[in-house]
C-alpha atoms as a PDB file:
ATOM      1  CA  MET A   1     145.952  19.055  36.664  1.00  0.00           C
ATOM      2  CA  ASP A   2     143.946  16.247  37.109  1.00  0.00           C
ATOM      3  CA  ASP A   3     140.455  15.360  35.612  1.00  0.00           C
ATOM      4  CA  ARG A   4     138.780  16.181  39.144  1.00  0.00           C
ATOM      5  CA  GLN A   5     140.459  19.410  39.171  1.00  0.00           C
ATOM      6  CA  SER A   6     139.490  20.260  35.650  1.00  0.00           C
ATOM      7  CA  THR A   7     135.760  19.192  36.287  1.00  0.00           C
ATOM      8  CA  ASN A   8     135.636  21.500  39.303  1.00  0.00           C
ATOM      9  CA  ILE A   9     136.818  24.333  37.662  1.00  0.00           C
ATOM     10  CA  ALA A  10     134.577  23.835  34.490  1.00  0.00           C
ATOM     11  CA  ALA A  11     131.769  23.305  36.986  1.00  0.00           C
ATOM     12  CA  GLU A  12     132.777  26.787  38.704  1.00  0.00           C
ATOM     13  CA  LEU A  13     132.897  28.538  35.345  1.00  0.00           C
ATOM     14  CA  ALA A  14     129.708  27.212  34.238  1.00  0.00           C
ATOM     15  CA  LEU A  15     128.179  28.705  37.413  1.00  0.00           C
ATOM     16  CA  LEU A  16     129.860  32.068  36.649  1.00  0.00           C
ATOM     17  CA  VAL A  17     128.047  32.176  33.233  1.00  0.00           C
ATOM     18  CA  LEU A  18     124.910  31.156  35.054  1.00  0.00           C
ATOM     19  CA  LEU A  19     125.376  33.993  37.248  1.00  0.00           C
ATOM     20  CA  ALA A  20     126.002  36.565  34.630  1.00  0.00           C
ATOM     21  CA  THR A  21     122.834  35.343  32.844  1.00  0.00           C
ATOM     22  CA  LEU A  22     120.727  35.622  36.059  1.00  0.00           C
ATOM     23  CA  TRP A  23     121.859  39.170  36.830  1.00  0.00           C
ATOM     24  CA  GLY A  24     122.006  39.948  32.961  1.00  0.00           C
ATOM     25  CA  GLY A  25     118.349  38.893  32.551  1.00  0.00           C
ATOM     26  CA  SER A  26     117.045  40.759  35.600  1.00  0.00           C
ATOM     27  CA  TYR A  27     116.759  43.794  33.195  1.00  0.00           C
ATOM     28  CA  THR A  28     114.528  42.068  30.963  1.00  0.00           C
ATOM     29  CA  PHE A  29     112.412  40.721  33.938  1.00  0.00           C
ATOM     30  CA  ILE A  30     112.322  44.213  35.201  1.00  0.00           C
ATOM     31  CA  LYS A  31     110.790  45.496  31.722  1.00  0.00           C
ATOM     32  CA  LEU A  32     108.294  42.955  31.905  1.00  0.00           C
ATOM     33  CA  GLY A  33     107.140  43.617  35.482  1.00  0.00           C
ATOM     34  CA  VAL A  34     106.881  47.365  35.356  1.00  0.00           C
ATOM     35  CA  ALA A  35     104.644  46.834  32.398  1.00  0.00           C
ATOM     36  CA  THR A  36     101.551  46.409  34.980  1.00  0.00           C
ATOM     37  CA  ILE A  37     103.213  46.743  38.194  1.00  0.00           C
ATOM     38  CA  PRO A  38     104.441  50.060  39.612  1.00  0.00           C
ATOM     39  CA  PRO A  39     108.390  50.512  40.510  1.00  0.00           C
ATOM     40  CA  ILE A  40     108.039  50.864  44.021  1.00  0.00           C
ATOM     41  CA  THR A  41     105.743  47.800  44.445  1.00  0.00           C
ATOM     42  CA  LEU A  42     107.709  45.564  42.032  1.00  0.00           C
ATOM     43  CA  ILE A  43     110.999  46.342  44.145  1.00  0.00           C
ATOM     44  CA  ALA A  44     109.295  46.040  47.494  1.00  0.00           C
ATOM     45  CA  LEU A  45     108.185  42.416  46.636  1.00  0.00           C
ATOM     46  CA  ARG A  46     111.345  41.506  44.873  1.00  0.00           C
ATOM     47  CA  THR A  47     113.390  42.525  48.068  1.00  0.00           C
ATOM     48  CA  ALA A  48     110.900  40.652  50.351  1.00  0.00           C
ATOM     49  CA  ILE A  49     110.711  37.544  48.707  1.00  0.00           C
ATOM     50  CA  ALA A  50     114.493  37.400  47.976  1.00  0.00           C
ATOM     51  CA  GLY A  51     115.010  38.412  51.595  1.00  0.00           C
ATOM     52  CA  LEU A  52     112.979  35.439  52.839  1.00  0.00           C
ATOM     53  CA  LEU A  53     114.398  32.764  50.599  1.00  0.00           C
ATOM     54  CA  LEU A  54     117.954  33.970  51.568  1.00  0.00           C
ATOM     55  CA  LEU A  55     117.005  33.561  55.289  1.00  0.00           C
ATOM     56  CA  PHE A  56     115.712  30.017  54.530  1.00  0.00           C
ATOM     57  CA  VAL A  57     119.106  29.184  52.759  1.00  0.00           C
ATOM     58  CA  MET A  58     120.875  30.601  55.703  1.00  0.00           C
ATOM     59  CA  ARG A  59     118.853  28.300  57.942  1.00  0.00           C
ATOM     60  CA  LEU A  60     119.786  25.264  55.807  1.00  0.00           C
ATOM     61  CA  ARG A  61     123.417  25.900  56.075  1.00  0.00           C
ATOM     62  CA  GLY A  62     123.078  26.573  59.722  1.00  0.00           C
ATOM     63  CA  VAL A  63     124.048  30.312  59.574  1.00  0.00           C
ATOM     64  CA  THR A  64     122.247  32.766  62.203  1.00  0.00           C
ATOM     65  CA  MET A  65     121.658  36.328  61.592  1.00  0.00           C
ATOM     66  CA  PRO A  66     123.011  38.936  63.747  1.00  0.00           C
ATOM     67  CA  THR A  67     120.668  40.503  66.180  1.00  0.00           C
ATOM     68  CA  ASP A  68     122.522  43.625  67.398  1.00  0.00           C
ATOM     69  CA  LEU A  69     121.087  47.002  66.659  1.00  0.00           C
ATOM     70  CA  PRO A  70     124.454  48.311  65.170  1.00  0.00           C
ATOM     71  CA  THR A  71     124.481  45.644  62.699  1.00  0.00           C
ATOM     72  CA  TRP A  72     120.938  46.055  61.525  1.00  0.00           C
ATOM     73  CA  ARG A  73     121.679  49.771  61.193  1.00  0.00           C
ATOM     74  CA  ARG A  74     124.523  48.997  58.803  1.00  0.00           C
ATOM     75  CA  PHE A  75     122.276  46.604  56.916  1.00  0.00           C
ATOM     76  CA  ALA A  76     119.582  49.375  56.413  1.00  0.00           C
ATOM     77  CA  PHE A  77     122.334  51.863  55.211  1.00  0.00           C
ATOM     78  CA  GLN A  78     123.500  49.226  52.920  1.00  0.00           C
ATOM     79  CA  ALA A  79     119.970  48.483  51.813  1.00  0.00           C
ATOM     80  CA  VAL A  80     119.484  52.173  50.852  1.00  0.00           C
ATOM     81  CA  LEU A  81     122.544  52.247  48.682  1.00  0.00           C
ATOM     82  CA  ASN A  82     122.226  48.673  47.028  1.00  0.00           C
ATOM     83  CA  SER A  83     118.520  47.944  46.669  1.00  0.00           C
ATOM     84  CA  VAL A  84     115.921  50.698  47.944  1.00  0.00           C
ATOM     85  CA  ILE A  85     117.227  53.610  45.573  1.00  0.00           C
ATOM     86  CA  PRO A  86     119.186  51.839  42.768  1.00  0.00           C
ATOM     87  CA  TRP A  87     116.609  49.194  42.003  1.00  0.00           C
ATOM     88  CA  THR A  88     113.756  51.561  42.246  1.00  0.00           C
ATOM     89  CA  LEU A  89     115.355  54.047  39.948  1.00  0.00           C
ATOM     90  CA  ILE A  90     116.047  51.234  37.376  1.00  0.00           C
ATOM     91  CA  ALA A  91     112.641  50.072  37.585  1.00  0.00           C
ATOM     92  CA  TRP A  92     111.246  53.376  36.807  1.00  0.00           C
ATOM     93  CA  GLY A  93     113.660  53.971  34.186  1.00  0.00           C
ATOM     94  CA  GLU A  94     112.806  51.088  32.428  1.00  0.00           C
ATOM     95  CA  ARG A  95     109.395  52.319  31.761  1.00  0.00           C
ATOM     96  CA  HIS A  96     110.870  54.743  29.637  1.00  0.00           C
ATOM     97  CA  VAL A  97     114.089  52.984  27.948  1.00  0.00           C
ATOM     98  CA  ASP A  98     114.774  49.689  26.741  1.00  0.00           C
ATOM     99  CA  ALA A  99     116.084  46.974  28.885  1.00  0.00           C
ATOM    100  CA  ALA A 100     119.247  46.590  26.557  1.00  0.00           C
ATOM    101  CA  LEU A 101     120.096  49.980  27.218  1.00  0.00           C
ATOM    102  CA  ALA A 102     119.601  49.643  30.959  1.00  0.00           C
ATOM    103  CA  THR A 103     121.874  46.657  30.960  1.00  0.00           C
ATOM    104  CA  ILE A 104     124.823  48.627  29.530  1.00  0.00           C
ATOM    105  CA  LEU A 105     124.482  51.777  31.469  1.00  0.00           C
ATOM    106  CA  ASN A 106     124.077  49.832  34.746  1.00  0.00           C
ATOM    107  CA  SER A 107     127.128  47.661  33.991  1.00  0.00           C
ATOM    108  CA  ALA A 108     129.629  50.437  34.667  1.00  0.00           C
ATOM    109  CA  GLY A 109     129.681  49.829  38.562  1.00  0.00           C
ATOM    110  CA  PRO A 110     133.201  48.834  38.563  1.00  0.00           C
ATOM    111  CA  ILE A 111     134.376  52.208  36.765  1.00  0.00           C
ATOM    112  CA  PHE A 112     132.218  54.348  39.117  1.00  0.00           C
ATOM    113  CA  THR A 113     133.532  52.168  42.158  1.00  0.00           C
ATOM    114  CA  PHE A 114     137.308  53.008  41.120  1.00  0.00           C
ATOM    115  CA  LEU A 115     136.426  56.705  40.627  1.00  0.00           C
ATOM    116  CA  LEU A 116     135.059  56.867  44.083  1.00  0.00           C
ATOM    117  CA  THR A 117     137.850  54.991  45.507  1.00  0.00           C
ATOM    118  CA  ALA A 118     140.577  57.097  43.735  1.00  0.00           C
ATOM    119  CA  ILE A 119     138.801  60.371  44.963  1.00  0.00           C
ATOM    120  CA  VAL A 120     137.380  59.655  48.191  1.00  0.00           C
ATOM    121  CA  THR A 121     139.017  56.389  50.157  1.00  0.00           C
ATOM    122  CA  ARG A 122     141.997  56.078  48.003  1.00  0.00           C
ATOM    123  CA  HIS A 123     142.662  52.427  49.380  1.00  0.00           C
ATOM    124  CA  GLU A 124     143.175  51.135  45.729  1.00  0.00           C
ATOM    125  CA  ALA A 125     146.145  52.120  43.637  1.00  0.00           C
ATOM    126  CA  THR A 126     145.625  53.566  40.329  1.00  0.00           C
ATOM    127  CA  SER A 127     147.310  51.951  37.167  1.00  0.00           C
ATOM    128  CA  PRO A 128     147.543  52.824  33.309  1.00  0.00           C
ATOM    129  CA  ARG A 129     145.095  49.878  32.803  1.00  0.00           C
ATOM    130  CA  LYS A 130     142.633  50.882  35.266  1.00  0.00           C
ATOM    131  CA  LEU A 131     142.658  54.624  33.802  1.00  0.00           C
ATOM    132  CA  PHE A 132     142.249  53.263  30.170  1.00  0.00           C
ATOM    133  CA  GLY A 133     139.175  51.338  31.493  1.00  0.00           C
ATOM    134  CA  VAL A 134     137.559  54.340  33.228  1.00  0.00           C
ATOM    135  CA  VAL A 135     138.336  56.339  29.790  1.00  0.00           C
ATOM    136  CA  ALA A 136     136.571  53.610  27.559  1.00  0.00           C
ATOM    137  CA  GLY A 137     133.621  53.151  30.018  1.00  0.00           C
ATOM    138  CA  MET A 138     132.888  56.571  30.477  1.00  0.00           C
ATOM    139  CA  ALA A 139     133.129  57.132  26.678  1.00  0.00           C
ATOM    140  CA  GLY A 140     130.474  54.259  26.065  1.00  0.00           C
ATOM    141  CA  ILE A 141     128.213  55.941  28.687  1.00  0.00           C
ATOM    142  CA  LEU A 142     128.543  59.289  27.002  1.00  0.00           C
ATOM    143  CA  LEU A 143     127.853  57.777  23.653  1.00  0.00           C
ATOM    144  CA  ILE A 144     124.666  56.160  24.777  1.00  0.00           C
ATOM    145  CA  VAL A 145     123.289  59.034  27.086  1.00  0.00           C
ATOM    146  CA  GLY A 146     124.648  61.824  25.155  1.00  0.00           C
ATOM    147  CA  VAL A 147     123.412  60.729  21.659  1.00  0.00           C
ATOM    148  CA  ASP A 148     120.423  58.444  22.165  1.00  0.00           C
ATOM    149  CA  ALA A 149     118.533  60.381  24.792  1.00  0.00           C
ATOM    150  CA  LEU A 150     118.452  63.230  22.334  1.00  0.00           C
ATOM    151  CA  HIS A 151     115.601  61.417  20.642  1.00  0.00           C
ATOM    152  CA  ASP A 152     113.426  61.752  23.733  1.00  0.00           C
ATOM    153  CA  LEU A 153     114.638  64.781  26.131  1.00  0.00           C
ATOM    154  CA  ASP A 154     111.475  64.721  28.380  1.00  0.00           C
ATOM    155  CA  ARG A 155     111.753  61.137  29.506  1.00  0.00           C
ATOM    156  CA  GLY A 156     114.618  59.323  27.803  1.00  0.00           C
ATOM    157  CA  LEU A 157     117.377  61.573  29.217  1.00  0.00           C
ATOM    158  CA  ILE A 158     115.908  61.690  32.761  1.00  0.00           C
ATOM    159  CA  ALA A 159     115.441  57.738  32.816  1.00  0.00           C
ATOM    160  CA  GLU A 160     119.108  56.996  31.370  1.00  0.00           C
ATOM    161  CA  ALA A 161     120.278  59.656  34.128  1.00  0.00           C
ATOM    162  CA  ALA A 162     118.421  57.668  36.835  1.00  0.00           C
ATOM    163  CA  ILE A 163     119.880  54.328  35.709  1.00  0.00           C
ATOM    164  CA  VAL A 164     123.437  55.992  35.739  1.00  0.00           C
ATOM    165  CA  ALA A 165     122.492  57.270  39.462  1.00  0.00           C
ATOM    166  CA  ALA A 166     121.623  53.843  40.131  1.00  0.00           C
ATOM    167  CA  THR A 167     124.947  52.577  39.111  1.00  0.00           C
ATOM    168  CA  ILE A 168     126.705  55.319  41.398  1.00  0.00           C
ATOM    169  CA  CYS A 169     124.734  53.948  44.267  1.00  0.00           C
ATOM    170  CA  TYR A 170     125.913  50.491  43.683  1.00  0.00           C
ATOM    171  CA  ALA A 171     129.501  51.781  43.756  1.00  0.00           C
ATOM    172  CA  CYS A 172     128.901  53.268  46.887  1.00  0.00           C
ATOM    173  CA  ALA A 173     127.330  50.266  48.340  1.00  0.00           C
ATOM    174  CA  ALA A 174     130.566  48.124  47.108  1.00  0.00           C
ATOM    175  CA  ILE A 175     132.693  50.593  49.189  1.00  0.00           C
ATOM    176  CA  PHE A 176     130.602  50.374  52.376  1.00  0.00           C
ATOM    177  CA  GLY A 177     129.981  46.516  51.833  1.00  0.00           C
ATOM    178  CA  ARG A 178     133.891  46.264  52.812  1.00  0.00           C
ATOM    179  CA  SER A 179     132.586  46.960  56.434  1.00  0.00           C
ATOM    180  CA  PHE A 180     130.849  43.719  56.818  1.00  0.00           C
ATOM    181  CA  LYS A 181     133.949  41.510  56.904  1.00  0.00           C
ATOM    182  CA  GLY A 182     133.848  38.850  59.605  1.00  0.00           C
ATOM    183  CA  LEU A 183     130.078  38.224  58.853  1.00  0.00           C
ATOM    184  CA  ASP A 184     128.811  35.108  56.646  1.00  0.00           C
ATOM    185  CA  PRO A 185     128.249  36.775  53.211  1.00  0.00           C
ATOM    186  CA  THR A 186     124.596  35.813  53.060  1.00  0.00           C
ATOM    187  CA  ALA A 187     123.970  37.723  56.312  1.00  0.00           C
ATOM    188  CA  PRO A 188     124.371  41.265  54.962  1.00  0.00           C
ATOM    189  CA  ALA A 189     122.562  40.043  51.564  1.00  0.00           C
ATOM    190  CA  ALA A 190     119.663  38.737  53.506  1.00  0.00           C
ATOM    191  CA  GLY A 191     119.751  41.545  56.003  1.00  0.00           C
ATOM    192  CA  SER A 192     119.854  44.547  53.585  1.00  0.00           C
ATOM    193  CA  LEU A 193     117.002  43.054  51.381  1.00  0.00           C
ATOM    194  CA  LEU A 194     115.009  42.573  54.364  1.00  0.00           C
ATOM    195  CA  ALA A 195     115.730  46.187  55.629  1.00  0.00           C
ATOM    196  CA  GLY A 196     115.064  47.454  52.142  1.00  0.00           C
ATOM    197  CA  ALA A 197     111.500  45.533  52.184  1.00  0.00           C
ATOM    198  CA  ALA A 198     110.872  47.184  55.474  1.00  0.00           C
ATOM    199  CA  VAL A 199     111.262  50.725  53.779  1.00  0.00           C
ATOM    200  CA  LEU A 200     109.828  49.860  50.360  1.00  0.00           C
ATOM    201  CA  ILE A 201     106.415  48.012  51.542  1.00  0.00           C
ATOM    202  CA  PRO A 202     105.064  50.998  53.355  1.00  0.00           C
ATOM    203  CA  ALA A 203     106.215  53.361  50.528  1.00  0.00           C
ATOM    204  CA  SER A 204     104.396  50.891  48.064  1.00  0.00           C
ATOM    205  CA  LEU A 205     101.337  51.147  50.343  1.00  0.00           C
ATOM    206  CA  ALA A 206     101.367  54.849  50.719  1.00  0.00           C
ATOM    207  CA  PHE A 207     102.084  55.777  46.999  1.00  0.00           C
ATOM    208  CA  GLU A 208     100.972  53.265  44.829  1.00  0.00           C
ATOM    209  CA  GLN A 209      97.881  51.527  46.388  1.00  0.00           C
ATOM    210  CA  PRO A 210      98.893  47.983  45.262  1.00  0.00           C
ATOM    211  CA  TRP A 211      95.490  46.431  46.323  1.00  0.00           C
ATOM    212  CA  THR A 212      94.115  48.365  43.298  1.00  0.00           C
ATOM    213  CA  LEU A 213      96.350  46.696  40.625  1.00  0.00           C
ATOM    214  CA  SER A 214      95.539  44.142  38.125  1.00  0.00           C
ATOM    215  CA  PRO A 215      98.966  42.931  36.968  1.00  0.00           C
ATOM    216  CA  SER A 216      99.418  40.685  33.961  1.00  0.00           C
ATOM    217  CA  LEU A 217     100.357  37.232  34.301  1.00  0.00           C
ATOM    218  CA  SER A 218     103.755  38.010  32.444  1.00  0.00           C
ATOM    219  CA  SER A 219     104.439  40.820  34.968  1.00  0.00           C
ATOM    220  CA  VAL A 220     103.835  38.212  37.978  1.00  0.00           C
ATOM    221  CA  LEU A 221     105.875  35.775  36.396  1.00  0.00           C
ATOM    222  CA  ALA A 222     108.621  38.270  35.689  1.00  0.00           C
ATOM    223  CA  LEU A 223     108.496  39.458  39.372  1.00  0.00           C
ATOM    224  CA  LEU A 224     108.745  35.743  40.763  1.00  0.00           C
ATOM    225  CA  ALA A 225     111.646  35.021  38.379  1.00  0.00           C
ATOM    226  CA  LEU A 226     113.482  38.335  39.361  1.00  0.00           C
ATOM    227  CA  ALA A 227     113.064  37.613  42.916  1.00  0.00           C
ATOM    228  CA  VAL A 228     113.829  33.972  43.051  1.00  0.00           C
ATOM    229  CA  PHE A 229     116.365  33.485  40.125  1.00  0.00           C
ATOM    230  CA  SER A 230     117.965  37.212  39.779  1.00  0.00           C
ATOM    231  CA  THR A 231     118.002  37.827  43.210  1.00  0.00           C
ATOM    232  CA  ALA A 232     117.938  34.777  45.704  1.00  0.00           C
ATOM    233  CA  ALA A 233     119.530  32.351  43.532  1.00  0.00           C
ATOM    234  CA  ALA A 234     121.980  34.809  42.232  1.00  0.00           C
ATOM    235  CA  PHE A 235     123.195  35.857  45.631  1.00  0.00           C
ATOM    236  CA  THR A 236     123.711  32.260  46.470  1.00  0.00           C
ATOM    237  CA  ILE A 237     125.776  31.428  43.576  1.00  0.00           C
ATOM    238  CA  TYR A 238     127.813  34.507  44.019  1.00  0.00           C
ATOM    239  CA  PHE A 239     128.682  33.832  47.622  1.00  0.00           C
ATOM    240  CA  ARG A 240     129.781  30.161  46.683  1.00  0.00           C
ATOM    241  CA  LEU A 241     132.034  31.652  43.719  1.00  0.00           C
ATOM    242  CA  ILE A 242     133.403  34.165  46.122  1.00  0.00           C
ATOM    243  CA  GLN A 243     134.944  31.128  47.973  1.00  0.00           C
ATOM    244  CA  THR A 244     135.678  28.872  44.940  1.00  0.00           C
ATOM    245  CA  LEU A 245     136.863  31.438  42.457  1.00  0.00           C
ATOM    246  CA  GLY A 246     137.697  34.288  44.623  1.00  0.00           C
ATOM    247  CA  SER A 247     136.673  37.790  44.517  1.00  0.00           C
ATOM    248  CA  VAL A 248     138.774  38.770  41.649  1.00  0.00           C
ATOM    249  CA  GLY A 249     137.591  35.834  39.495  1.00  0.00           C
ATOM    250  CA  THR A 250     133.953  36.390  40.367  1.00  0.00           C
ATOM    251  CA  THR A 251     134.062  39.792  38.906  1.00  0.00           C
ATOM    252  CA  ALA A 252     134.164  38.392  35.621  1.00  0.00           C
ATOM    253  CA  GLN A 253     130.359  38.269  35.676  1.00  0.00           C
ATOM    254  CA  ALA A 254     130.682  42.239  35.503  1.00  0.00           C
ATOM    255  CA  TYR A 255     131.414  42.249  31.850  1.00  0.00           C
ATOM    256  CA  LEU A 256     129.923  38.810  30.976  1.00  0.00           C
ATOM    257  CA  ARG A 257     126.437  40.028  32.083  1.00  0.00           C
ATOM    258  CA  VAL A 258     126.511  43.098  29.490  1.00  0.00           C
ATOM    259  CA  PRO A 259     126.462  41.090  26.098  1.00  0.00           C
ATOM    260  CA  ILE A 260     124.271  38.416  27.729  1.00  0.00           C
ATOM    261  CA  GLY A 261     121.858  40.821  29.045  1.00  0.00           C
ATOM    262  CA  VAL A 262     121.743  42.685  25.889  1.00  0.00           C
ATOM    263  CA  ALA A 263     121.333  39.340  24.115  1.00  0.00           C
ATOM    264  CA  LEU A 264     118.475  38.427  26.161  1.00  0.00           C
ATOM    265  CA  SER A 265     116.710  42.029  25.805  1.00  0.00           C
ATOM    266  CA  VAL A 266     117.211  41.912  22.045  1.00  0.00           C
ATOM    267  CA  GLY A 267     116.135  38.119  21.648  1.00  0.00           C
ATOM    268  CA  LEU A 268     113.191  37.970  24.111  1.00  0.00           C
ATOM    269  CA  LEU A 269     111.643  41.732  24.023  1.00  0.00           C
ATOM    270  CA  GLY A 270     112.562  42.299  20.413  1.00  0.00           C
ATOM    271  CA  GLU A 271     114.629  45.450  21.347  1.00  0.00           C
ATOM    272  CA  THR A 272     117.155  46.940  18.795  1.00  0.00           C
ATOM    273  CA  LEU A 273     120.054  49.101  19.531  1.00  0.00           C
ATOM    274  CA  SER A 274     121.277  51.974  17.375  1.00  0.00           C
ATOM    275  CA  LYS A 275     124.714  52.033  15.844  1.00  0.00           C
ATOM    276  CA  THR A 276     125.816  54.478  18.552  1.00  0.00           C
ATOM    277  CA  ALA A 277     124.660  52.020  21.314  1.00  0.00           C
ATOM    278  CA  TRP A 278     126.460  49.231  19.838  1.00  0.00           C
ATOM    279  CA  ILE A 279     129.751  51.430  19.958  1.00  0.00           C
ATOM    280  CA  GLY A 280     128.867  52.336  23.317  1.00  0.00           C
ATOM    281  CA  LEU A 281     128.203  48.818  24.554  1.00  0.00           C
ATOM    282  CA  ALA A 282     131.618  47.667  22.942  1.00  0.00           C
ATOM    283  CA  CYS A 283     133.352  50.553  24.921  1.00  0.00           C
ATOM    284  CA  VAL A 284     131.468  49.765  28.332  1.00  0.00           C
ATOM    285  CA  VAL A 285     132.729  45.935  27.843  1.00  0.00           C
ATOM    286  CA  VAL A 286     135.988  46.846  27.079  1.00  0.00           C
ATOM    287  CA  GLY A 287     136.279  49.163  29.870  1.00  0.00           C
ATOM    288  CA  VAL A 288     134.777  47.016  32.787  1.00  0.00           C
ATOM    289  CA  ALA A 289     136.935  44.351  31.543  1.00  0.00           C
ATOM    290  CA  ALA A 290     140.150  46.380  31.852  1.00  0.00           C
ATOM    291  CA  MET A 291     138.899  47.265  35.401  1.00  0.00           C
ATOM    292  CA  THR A 292     138.136  43.838  36.653  1.00  0.00           C
ATOM    293  CA  ILE A 293     140.483  41.296  34.798  1.00  0.00           C
ATOM    294  CA  PRO A 294     143.698  40.839  37.138  1.00  0.00           C
ATOM    295  CA  PRO A 295     146.944  41.933  35.831  1.00  0.00           C
ATOM    296  CA  ARG A 296     148.180  38.258  36.268  1.00  0.00           C
ATOM    297  CA  ALA A 297     145.494  37.094  34.023  1.00  0.00           C
ATOM    298  CA  THR A 298     146.329  39.568  31.328  1.00  0.00           C
ATOM    299  CA  ALA A 299     149.886  38.718  31.499  1.00  0.00           C
ATOM    300  CA  ALA A 300     149.121  35.074  31.014  1.00  0.00           C
ATOM    301  CA  VAL A 301     147.072  35.613  28.044  1.00  0.00           C
ATOM    302  CA  ARG A 302     149.827  37.575  26.507  1.00  0.00           C
ATOM    303  CA  THR A 303     152.234  35.091  27.129  1.00  0.00           C
ATOM    304  CA  ALA A 304     150.071  32.199  26.127  1.00  0.00           C
ATOM    305  CA  ALA A 305     149.766  34.188  22.667  1.00  0.00           C
END
C-alpha cells in the first residue's frame, strides 16, 4: 500500500469517526432542544432545514430530484418510518429520560433490522455470530428498560418504550429503503426529509402553536446544530462513505456512535449512568458490533492476533 492509499484510507476513517460523532451527538442536541421547544416543532424544523440544505447540496452536485408521483409516495412512506414517527418519539422521550440512555436504546437498529428480515422478508441468512449479536443486544436493552425504568414507572418506562419503538421504525425504514436502488442516495434522503416536513409543520401549527413559544438560545443553537450537522452534513458524509468504504464498512458507525454519544451526554450534559446501564451499554455495543462487522474483518483480526 503506497502513501497516497494510506492517506486516503485514513481520511475516510476520520470521516467515519466524524459521522459517528455527529449522529451520536444528535441525542445531546435533542435534549437541549426539547428543553424549550416542543417535540413536533423541533423535528419539523429539523427536517425542513436539513431537507433544504440537502437540496442545495444536490444542486451543487448536479443531481436532479425525481418528479414522478409514485416516487414521492415512496419518499412520504420512508419519511413516516425514518423521521416523522421515530424522531418525534425520540424527542418526546428525551423530555423524560437522559440523552445517554436514548443513545444506547436507539443504537439497536441493526438488531431489530435482523429480526424483521429473519421473520418477514428473509432476504439475509442467519449465522451464529448474528444470533449472538441479537441475544447480547436484547439483553442490554432489557437491562436498561427492565431495571432503570422501575425508578419512574409513569414516565420513564413509557419514554424508554417510545425510544425502542423509534428504533423499530428505523429497522423498517432500512428494509424499505432497499426499494430506492437506482436513485442517487441523496434523493431519497432529501425527498423523505421534505415529505416529513410537509407532515410535521402542519402538525406543529395545529398542536403546539409555535408562534407562542419563547425558546432559549441554547435550544435554538441545538436545533440548528441538529439540522445542519447531525442531519444534513451527516447524510452527506454517509453517502460519500457508502461509495468509498462501502455499505458494510460504513455500518461501523452503528457501534462507534454508542460510546461517543454516551460520552458527549455525560461530558456536556453532566448525566450519569447506573451500573446496570453501563452493563447494558456494553451488551448493546457488543451485540451491534457482532451484527455489523463483516465476517472477513473478524477473521482477519483473529489471523493478525
